[in-house]
Amino acid sequence: MIRALKLFWLIFKYSVIFVILLIEMFDEWGDASEIVERRQKFYRGDIEEAILHGESW
């Protein structure tokens, strides 16, 4: 019984850590896509639009 509880706790603990790492990874991908979007605006010459939205270069 105690072994089963220890095993359950171990699996639960590592699954929570794994989910947190997944969320962090997808959050960083979101930040990266925003940076790519800003660069595309810059290279297309939409600097005025970017300035209007308050994006700094």
PDB file of N, CA and C in Angstrom:
ATOM      1  N   MET A   1       0.834  -1.201   0.000  1.00  0.00           N
ATOM      2  CA  MET A   1       0.000   0.000   0.000  1.00  0.00           C
ATOM      3  C   MET A   1       0.876   1.262   0.000  1.00  0.00           C
ATOM      4  N   ILE A   2       1.877   1.272   0.862  1.00  0.00           N
ATOM      5  CA  ILE A   2       2.760   2.437   0.942  1.00  0.00           C
ATOM      6  C   ILE A   2       3.560   2.579  -0.349  1.00  0.00           C
ATOM      7  N   ARG A   3       3.975   1.438  -0.927  1.00  0.00           N
ATOM      8  CA  ARG A   3       4.700   1.482  -2.199  1.00  0.00           C
ATOM      9  C   ARG A   3       3.832   2.083  -3.305  1.00  0.00           C
ATOM     10  N   ALA A   4       2.562   1.727  -3.294  1.00  0.00           N
ATOM     11  CA  ALA A   4       1.636   2.247  -4.309  1.00  0.00           C
ATOM     12  C   ALA A   4       1.477   3.758  -4.150  1.00  0.00           C
ATOM     13  N   LEU A   5       1.387   4.219  -2.921  1.00  0.00           N
ATOM     14  CA  LEU A   5       1.270   5.658  -2.682  1.00  0.00           C
ATOM     15  C   LEU A   5       2.534   6.403  -3.111  1.00  0.00           C
ATOM     16  N   LYS A   6       3.702   5.824  -2.792  1.00  0.00           N
ATOM     17  CA  LYS A   6       4.959   6.454  -3.204  1.00  0.00           C
ATOM     18  C   LYS A   6       5.063   6.522  -4.725  1.00  0.00           C
ATOM     19  N   LEU A   7       4.668   5.428  -5.401  1.00  0.00           N
ATOM     20  CA  LEU A   7       4.705   5.402  -6.852  1.00  0.00           C
ATOM     21  C   LEU A   7       3.733   6.430  -7.438  1.00  0.00           C
ATOM     22  N   PHE A   8       2.528   6.498  -6.878  1.00  0.00           N
ATOM     23  CA  PHE A   8       1.554   7.478  -7.338  1.00  0.00           C
ATOM     24  C   PHE A   8       2.087   8.893  -7.156  1.00  0.00           C
ATOM     25  N   TRP A   9       2.670   9.179  -6.002  1.00  0.00           N
ATOM     26  CA  TRP A   9       3.198  10.522  -5.731  1.00  0.00           C
ATOM     27  C   TRP A   9       4.329  10.873  -6.704  1.00  0.00           C
ATOM     28  N   LEU A  10       5.190   9.905  -6.985  1.00  0.00           N
ATOM     29  CA  LEU A  10       6.299  10.116  -7.910  1.00  0.00           C
ATOM     30  C   LEU A  10       5.774  10.443  -9.314  1.00  0.00           C
ATOM     31  N   ILE A  11       4.818   9.658  -9.786  1.00  0.00           N
ATOM     32  CA  ILE A  11       4.246   9.896 -11.118  1.00  0.00           C
ATOM     33  C   ILE A  11       3.534  11.249 -11.144  1.00  0.00           C
ATOM     34  N   PHE A  12       2.783  11.563 -10.122  1.00  0.00           N
ATOM     35  CA  PHE A  12       2.048  12.826 -10.061  1.00  0.00           C
ATOM     36  C   PHE A  12       3.013  14.014 -10.072  1.00  0.00           C
ATOM     37  N   LYS A  13       4.061  13.922  -9.254  1.00  0.00           N
ATOM     38  CA  LYS A  13       5.026  15.016  -9.148  1.00  0.00           C
ATOM     39  C   LYS A  13       5.697  15.285 -10.499  1.00  0.00           C
ATOM     40  N   TYR A  14       6.161  14.232 -11.154  1.00  0.00           N
ATOM     41  CA  TYR A  14       6.854  14.426 -12.433  1.00  0.00           C
ATOM     42  C   TYR A  14       5.904  14.842 -13.551  1.00  0.00           C
ATOM     43  N   SER A  15       4.653  14.413 -13.505  1.00  0.00           N
ATOM     44  CA  SER A  15       3.703  14.845 -14.532  1.00  0.00           C
ATOM     45  C   SER A  15       3.384  16.330 -14.374  1.00  0.00           C
ATOM     46  N   VAL A  16       3.299  16.828 -13.150  1.00  0.00           N
ATOM     47  CA  VAL A  16       3.065  18.264 -12.932  1.00  0.00           C
ATOM     48  C   VAL A  16       4.253  19.069 -13.450  1.00  0.00           C
ATOM     49  N   ILE A  17       5.455  18.622 -13.159  1.00  0.00           N
ATOM     50  CA  ILE A  17       6.652  19.312 -13.644  1.00  0.00           C
ATOM     51  C   ILE A  17       6.676  19.312 -15.173  1.00  0.00           C
ATOM     52  N   PHE A  18       6.313  18.183 -15.785  1.00  0.00           N
ATOM     53  CA  PHE A  18       6.290  18.073 -17.242  1.00  0.00           C
ATOM     54  C   PHE A  18       5.284  19.041 -17.850  1.00  0.00           C
ATOM     55  N   VAL A  19       4.110  19.152 -17.260  1.00  0.00           N
ATOM     56  CA  VAL A  19       3.081  20.066 -17.771  1.00  0.00           C
ATOM     57  C   VAL A  19       3.547  21.518 -17.645  1.00  0.00           C
ATOM     58  N   ILE A  20       4.173  21.867 -16.537  1.00  0.00           N
ATOM     59  CA  ILE A  20       4.680  23.226 -16.351  1.00  0.00           C
ATOM     60  C   ILE A  20       5.738  23.543 -17.403  1.00  0.00           C
ATOM     61  N   LEU A  21       6.633  22.598 -17.671  1.00  0.00           N
ATOM     62  CA  LEU A  21       7.659  22.807 -18.698  1.00  0.00           C
ATOM     63  C   LEU A  21       7.026  22.959 -20.080  1.00  0.00           C
ATOM     64  N   LEU A  22       5.990  22.187 -20.382  1.00  0.00           N
ATOM     65  CA  LEU A  22       5.299  22.310 -21.664  1.00  0.00           C
ATOM     66  C   LEU A  22       4.691  23.704 -21.820  1.00  0.00           C
ATOM     67  N   ILE A  23       4.039  24.181 -20.763  1.00  0.00           N
ATOM     68  CA  ILE A  23       3.421  25.508 -20.814  1.00  0.00           C
ATOM     69  C   ILE A  23       4.486  26.572 -21.039  1.00  0.00           C
ATOM     70  N   GLU A  24       5.611  26.459 -20.340  1.00  0.00           N
ATOM     71  CA  GLU A  24       6.697  27.423 -20.516  1.00  0.00           C
ATOM     72  C   GLU A  24       7.231  27.398 -21.946  1.00  0.00           C
ATOM     73  N   MET A  25       7.355  26.204 -22.511  1.00  0.00           N
ATOM     74  CA  MET A  25       7.886  26.083 -23.859  1.00  0.00           C
ATOM     75  C   MET A  25       6.949  26.746 -24.872  1.00  0.00           C
ATOM     76  N   PHE A  26       5.648  26.495 -24.742  1.00  0.00           N
ATOM     77  CA  PHE A  26       4.704  27.104 -25.676  1.00  0.00           C
ATOM     78  C   PHE A  26       4.631  28.613 -25.475  1.00  0.00           C
ATOM     79  N   ASP A  27       4.827  29.072 -24.259  1.00  0.00           N
ATOM     80  CA  ASP A  27       4.836  30.512 -23.992  1.00  0.00           C
ATOM     81  C   ASP A  27       6.024  31.170 -24.687  1.00  0.00           C
ATOM     82  N   GLU A  28       7.182  30.519 -24.648  1.00  0.00           N
ATOM     83  CA  GLU A  28       8.352  31.065 -25.340  1.00  0.00           C
ATOM     84  C   GLU A  28       8.149  31.079 -26.843  1.00  0.00           C
ATOM     85  N   TRP A  29       7.448  30.046 -27.380  1.00  0.00           N
ATOM     86  CA  TRP A  29       7.150  30.037 -28.811  1.00  0.00           C
ATOM     87  C   TRP A  29       6.254  31.208 -29.169  1.00  0.00           C
ATOM     88  N   GLY A  30       5.325  31.557 -28.287  1.00  0.00           N
ATOM     89  CA  GLY A  30       4.455  32.701 -28.528  1.00  0.00           C
ATOM     90  C   GLY A  30       5.263  33.987 -28.597  1.00  0.00           C
ATOM     91  N   ASP A  31       6.214  34.144 -27.687  1.00  0.00           N
ATOM     92  CA  ASP A  31       7.075  35.326 -27.704  1.00  0.00           C
ATOM     93  C   ASP A  31       7.900  35.377 -28.982  1.00  0.00           C
ATOM     94  N   ALA A  32       8.392  34.222 -29.411  1.00  0.00           N
ATOM     95  CA  ALA A  32       9.211  34.167 -30.622  1.00  0.00           C
ATOM     96  C   ALA A  32       8.383  34.550 -31.851  1.00  0.00           C
ATOM     97  N   SER A  33       7.132  34.125 -31.898  1.00  0.00           N
ATOM     98  CA  SER A  33       6.306  34.466 -33.064  1.00  0.00           C
ATOM     99  C   SER A  33       6.013  35.960 -33.101  1.00  0.00           C
ATOM    100  N   GLU A  34       5.888  36.592 -31.931  1.00  0.00           N
ATOM    101  CA  GLU A  34       5.683  38.047 -31.901  1.00  0.00           C
ATOM    102  C   GLU A  34       6.914  38.769 -32.438  1.00  0.00           C
ATOM    103  N   ILE A  35       8.097  38.291 -32.095  1.00  0.00           N
ATOM    104  CA  ILE A  35       9.331  38.916 -32.573  1.00  0.00           C
ATOM    105  C   ILE A  35       9.424  38.786 -34.087  1.00  0.00           C
ATOM    106  N   VAL A  36       9.091  37.606 -34.624  1.00  0.00           N
ATOM    107  CA  VAL A  36       9.117  37.399 -36.074  1.00  0.00           C
ATOM    108  C   VAL A  36       8.126  38.335 -36.747  1.00  0.00           C
ATOM    109  N   GLU A  37       6.953  38.503 -36.144  1.00  0.00           N
ATOM    110  CA  GLU A  37       5.939  39.397 -36.700  1.00  0.00           C
ATOM    111  C   GLU A  37       6.467  40.831 -36.757  1.00  0.00           C
ATOM    112  N   ARG A  38       7.123  41.278 -35.708  1.00  0.00           N
ATOM    113  CA  ARG A  38       7.684  42.639 -35.691  1.00  0.00           C
ATOM    114  C   ARG A  38       8.731  42.811 -36.783  1.00  0.00           C
ATOM    115  N   ARG A  39       9.576  41.800 -36.951  1.00  0.00           N
ATOM    116  CA  ARG A  39      10.616  41.886 -37.994  1.00  0.00           C
ATOM    117  C   ARG A  39       9.987  41.951 -39.375  1.00  0.00           C
ATOM    118  N   GLN A  40       8.936  41.171 -39.590  1.00  0.00           N
ATOM    119  CA  GLN A  40       8.270  41.198 -40.898  1.00  0.00           C
ATOM    120  C   GLN A  40       7.677  42.579 -41.160  1.00  0.00           C
ATOM    121  N   LYS A  41       7.071  43.181 -40.148  1.00  0.00           N
ATOM    122  CA  LYS A  41       6.534  44.534 -40.308  1.00  0.00           C
ATOM    123  C   LYS A  41       7.655  45.501 -40.657  1.00  0.00           C
ATOM    124  N   PHE A  42       8.771  45.359 -39.968  1.00  0.00           N
ATOM    125  CA  PHE A  42       9.897  46.259 -40.174  1.00  0.00           C
ATOM    126  C   PHE A  42      10.425  46.141 -41.606  1.00  0.00           C
ATOM    127  N   TYR A  43      10.587  44.896 -42.069  1.00  0.00           N
ATOM    128  CA  TYR A  43      11.149  44.707 -43.399  1.00  0.00           C
ATOM    129  C   TYR A  43      10.168  45.081 -44.508  1.00  0.00           C
ATOM    130  N   ARG A  44       8.871  45.010 -44.218  1.00  0.00           N
ATOM    131  CA  ARG A  44       7.882  45.414 -45.217  1.00  0.00           C
ATOM    132  C   ARG A  44       7.735  46.928 -45.261  1.00  0.00           C
ATOM    133  N   GLY A  45       8.248  47.600 -44.258  1.00  0.00           N
ATOM    134  CA  GLY A  45       8.172  49.049 -44.226  1.00  0.00           C
ATOM    135  C   GLY A  45       6.960  49.569 -43.468  1.00  0.00           C
ATOM    136  N   ASP A  46       6.360  48.734 -42.658  1.00  0.00           N
ATOM    137  CA  ASP A  46       5.200  49.152 -41.872  1.00  0.00           C
ATOM    138  C   ASP A  46       5.645  49.771 -40.552  1.00  0.00           C
ATOM    139  N   ILE A  47       6.652  50.616 -40.621  1.00  0.00           N
ATOM    140  CA  ILE A  47       7.212  51.188 -39.399  1.00  0.00           C
ATOM    141  C   ILE A  47       6.189  52.106 -38.725  1.00  0.00           C
ATOM    142  N   GLU A  48       5.459  52.884 -39.544  1.00  0.00           N
ATOM    143  CA  GLU A  48       4.462  53.789 -38.968  1.00  0.00           C
ATOM    144  C   GLU A  48       3.403  53.011 -38.192  1.00  0.00           C
ATOM    145  N   GLU A  49       2.958  51.901 -38.769  1.00  0.00           N
ATOM    146  CA  GLU A  49       1.955  51.080 -38.098  1.00  0.00           C
ATOM    147  C   GLU A  49       2.511  50.518 -36.790  1.00  0.00           C
ATOM    148  N   ALA A  50       3.749  50.100 -36.833  1.00  0.00           N
ATOM    149  CA  ALA A  50       4.378  49.545 -35.635  1.00  0.00           C
ATOM    150  C   ALA A  50       4.508  50.606 -34.549  1.00  0.00           C
ATOM    151  N   ILE A  51       4.858  51.825 -34.964  1.00  0.00           N
ATOM    152  CA  ILE A  51       5.000  52.911 -33.988  1.00  0.00           C
ATOM    153  C   ILE A  51       3.640  53.244 -33.384  1.00  0.00           C
ATOM    154  N   LEU A  52       2.589  53.223 -34.203  1.00  0.00           N
ATOM    155  CA  LEU A  52       1.243  53.502 -33.704  1.00  0.00           C
ATOM    156  C   LEU A  52       0.824  52.485 -32.647  1.00  0.00           C
ATOM    157  N   HIS A  53       1.259  51.240 -32.804  1.00  0.00           N
ATOM    158  CA  HIS A  53       0.909  50.208 -31.829  1.00  0.00           C
ATOM    159  C   HIS A  53       1.855  50.222 -30.632  1.00  0.00           C
ATOM    160  N   GLY A  54       2.816  51.114 -30.617  1.00  0.00           N
ATOM    161  CA  GLY A  54       3.700  51.247 -29.469  1.00  0.00           C
ATOM    162  C   GLY A  54       4.816  50.238 -29.419  1.00  0.00           C
ATOM    163  N   GLU A  55       5.168  49.670 -30.542  1.00  0.00           N
ATOM    164  CA  GLU A  55       6.248  48.687 -30.542  1.00  0.00           C
ATOM    165  C   GLU A  55       7.579  49.404 -30.694  1.00  0.00           C
ATOM    166  N   SER A  56       8.518  49.030 -29.852  1.00  0.00           N
ATOM    167  CA  SER A  56       9.826  49.683 -29.907  1.00  0.00           C
ATOM    168  C   SER A  56      10.780  48.847 -30.746  1.00  0.00           C
ATOM    169  N   TRP A  57      11.752  49.516 -31.335  1.00  0.00           N
ATOM    170  CA  TRP A  57      12.695  48.814 -32.209  1.00  0.00           C
ATOM    171  C   TRP A  57      14.066  48.852 -31.600  1.00  0.00           C
TER     172      TRP A  57
END
